[in-house]
């Protein structure tokens, strides 16, 4: 269901409504939510997998680490967060 018009498929005039695909046109979709990634919108790609900005912003740390193929300890070390030894 569309978040803007609350219908599926979108009603005419909805900004999220997909326009007809032109021959040869490639349409990217977010791997997580399936939303169409429009030109100029915030989007990211990792290993050929596109993600919309909203999904990236809402992901927890474990999900982001999985996408980036990183271990938590490695990330923490890279950004300078060191464990406190007590």
C-alpha atoms as a PDB file:
ATOM      1  CA  UNK A   1       0.000   0.000   0.000  1.00  0.00           C
ATOM      2  CA  UNK A   2       1.265   3.460  -0.865  1.00  0.00           C
ATOM      3  CA  UNK A   3       2.311   5.588   2.110  1.00  0.00           C
ATOM      4  CA  UNK A   4       1.087   8.780   0.421  1.00  0.00           C
ATOM      5  CA  UNK A   5      -2.323   7.953  -1.079  1.00  0.00           C
ATOM      6  CA  UNK A   6      -3.040   4.852   1.062  1.00  0.00           C
ATOM      7  CA  UNK A   7      -4.114   2.856  -2.021  1.00  0.00           C
ATOM      8  CA  UNK A   8      -2.712  -0.066  -3.974  1.00  0.00           C
ATOM      9  CA  UNK A   9      -2.135   0.598  -6.795  1.00  0.00           C
ATOM     10  CA  UNK A  10      -1.719   4.352  -6.439  1.00  0.00           C
ATOM     11  CA  UNK A  11      -4.499   6.680  -7.480  1.00  0.00           C
ATOM     12  CA  UNK A  12      -3.978   9.059 -10.435  1.00  0.00           C
ATOM     13  CA  UNK A  13      -2.087  12.149  -9.308  1.00  0.00           C
ATOM     14  CA  UNK A  14      -0.211  10.413  -6.482  1.00  0.00           C
ATOM     15  CA  UNK A  15       3.492  11.410  -6.524  1.00  0.00           C
ATOM     16  CA  UNK A  16       4.436   7.765  -5.883  1.00  0.00           C
ATOM     17  CA  UNK A  17       2.450   6.469  -8.851  1.00  0.00           C
ATOM     18  CA  UNK A  18       4.729   4.817 -11.361  1.00  0.00           C
ATOM     19  CA  UNK A  19       4.768   6.311 -14.812  1.00  0.00           C
ATOM     20  CA  UNK A  20       4.777   3.862 -17.719  1.00  0.00           C
ATOM     21  CA  UNK A  21       8.193   2.398 -18.388  1.00  0.00           C
ATOM     22  CA  UNK A  22       9.792   3.506 -21.654  1.00  0.00           C
ATOM     23  CA  UNK A  23      11.347   0.852 -23.906  1.00  0.00           C
ATOM     24  CA  UNK A  24      14.913   0.138 -22.778  1.00  0.00           C
ATOM     25  CA  UNK A  25      14.494   2.109 -19.556  1.00  0.00           C
ATOM     26  CA  UNK A  26      15.982   0.562 -16.437  1.00  0.00           C
ATOM     27  CA  UNK A  27      13.961   1.052 -13.269  1.00  0.00           C
ATOM     28  CA  UNK A  28      15.760   0.492  -9.979  1.00  0.00           C
ATOM     29  CA  UNK A  29      13.897  -0.720  -6.912  1.00  0.00           C
ATOM     30  CA  UNK A  30      15.019  -0.719  -3.306  1.00  0.00           C
ATOM     31  CA  UNK A  31      16.115  -4.217  -2.358  1.00  0.00           C
ATOM     32  CA  UNK A  32      14.525  -3.871   1.081  1.00  0.00           C
ATOM     33  CA  UNK A  33      11.125  -2.188   0.517  1.00  0.00           C
ATOM     34  CA  UNK A  34      10.700  -2.600  -3.241  1.00  0.00           C
ATOM     35  CA  UNK A  35      10.031   1.104  -3.801  1.00  0.00           C
ATOM     36  CA  UNK A  36      11.043   2.688  -7.099  1.00  0.00           C
ATOM     37  CA  UNK A  37      14.213   4.753  -6.810  1.00  0.00           C
ATOM     38  CA  UNK A  38      13.554   7.979  -8.634  1.00  0.00           C
ATOM     39  CA  UNK A  39      16.214  10.169 -10.211  1.00  0.00           C
ATOM     40  CA  UNK A  40      17.440  12.709  -7.664  1.00  0.00           C
ATOM     41  CA  UNK A  41      16.153  10.785  -4.652  1.00  0.00           C
ATOM     42  CA  UNK A  42      18.470   9.665  -1.874  1.00  0.00           C
ATOM     43  CA  UNK A  43      19.636   6.144  -2.672  1.00  0.00           C
ATOM     44  CA  UNK A  44      22.618   3.908  -2.002  1.00  0.00           C
ATOM     45  CA  UNK A  45      24.124   0.847  -3.640  1.00  0.00           C
ATOM     46  CA  UNK A  46      26.262  -1.990  -2.309  1.00  0.00           C
ATOM     47  CA  UNK A  47      27.423  -4.845  -4.548  1.00  0.00           C
ATOM     48  CA  UNK A  48      24.818  -3.928  -7.169  1.00  0.00           C
ATOM     49  CA  UNK A  49      21.964  -3.898  -4.646  1.00  0.00           C
ATOM     50  CA  UNK A  50      20.127  -0.557  -4.463  1.00  0.00           C
ATOM     51  CA  UNK A  51      18.581   0.775  -1.234  1.00  0.00           C
ATOM     52  CA  UNK A  52      16.445   3.882  -0.704  1.00  0.00           C
ATOM     53  CA  UNK A  53      17.543   6.501   1.806  1.00  0.00           C
ATOM     54  CA  UNK A  54      14.560   5.834   4.060  1.00  0.00           C
ATOM     55  CA  UNK A  55      15.419   2.137   4.418  1.00  0.00           C
ATOM     56  CA  UNK A  56      19.069   2.891   5.153  1.00  0.00           C
ATOM     57  CA  UNK A  57      18.054   5.477   7.785  1.00  0.00           C
ATOM     58  CA  UNK A  58      15.673   3.017   9.472  1.00  0.00           C
ATOM     59  CA  UNK A  59      18.043   0.027   9.531  1.00  0.00           C
ATOM     60  CA  UNK A  60      19.545  -1.129  12.797  1.00  0.00           C
ATOM     61  CA  UNK A  61      23.302  -1.509  13.144  1.00  0.00           C
ATOM     62  CA  UNK A  62      23.256  -5.276  12.586  1.00  0.00           C
ATOM     63  CA  UNK A  63      21.406  -4.885   9.262  1.00  0.00           C
ATOM     64  CA  UNK A  64      23.835  -2.211   8.059  1.00  0.00           C
ATOM     65  CA  UNK A  65      26.806  -4.363   9.030  1.00  0.00           C
ATOM     66  CA  UNK A  66      25.335  -7.303   7.110  1.00  0.00           C
ATOM     67  CA  UNK A  67      24.867  -5.166   3.976  1.00  0.00           C
ATOM     68  CA  UNK A  68      28.398  -3.779   4.286  1.00  0.00           C
ATOM     69  CA  UNK A  69      29.808  -7.248   5.004  1.00  0.00           C
ATOM     70  CA  UNK A  70      31.576  -5.965   8.110  1.00  0.00           C
ATOM     71  CA  UNK A  71      32.126  -7.291  11.601  1.00  0.00           C
ATOM     72  CA  UNK A  72      30.955  -5.037  14.430  1.00  0.00           C
ATOM     73  CA  UNK A  73      34.379  -4.984  16.110  1.00  0.00           C
ATOM     74  CA  UNK A  74      36.072  -3.973  12.843  1.00  0.00           C
ATOM     75  CA  UNK A  75      33.684  -1.041  12.351  1.00  0.00           C
ATOM     76  CA  UNK A  76      34.096   0.158  15.920  1.00  0.00           C
ATOM     77  CA  UNK A  77      37.876   0.052  15.574  1.00  0.00           C
ATOM     78  CA  UNK A  78      37.757   1.961  12.249  1.00  0.00           C
ATOM     79  CA  UNK A  79      35.717   4.804  13.744  1.00  0.00           C
ATOM     80  CA  UNK A  80      37.875   4.957  16.854  1.00  0.00           C
ATOM     81  CA  UNK A  81      35.529   3.444  19.427  1.00  0.00           C
ATOM     82  CA  UNK A  82      37.641   1.280  21.680  1.00  0.00           C
ATOM     83  CA  UNK A  83      36.455  -1.022  24.458  1.00  0.00           C
ATOM     84  CA  UNK A  84      36.994   0.123  28.013  1.00  0.00           C
ATOM     85  CA  UNK A  85      39.078  -2.353  29.946  1.00  0.00           C
ATOM     86  CA  UNK A  86      38.178  -2.461  33.610  1.00  0.00           C
END
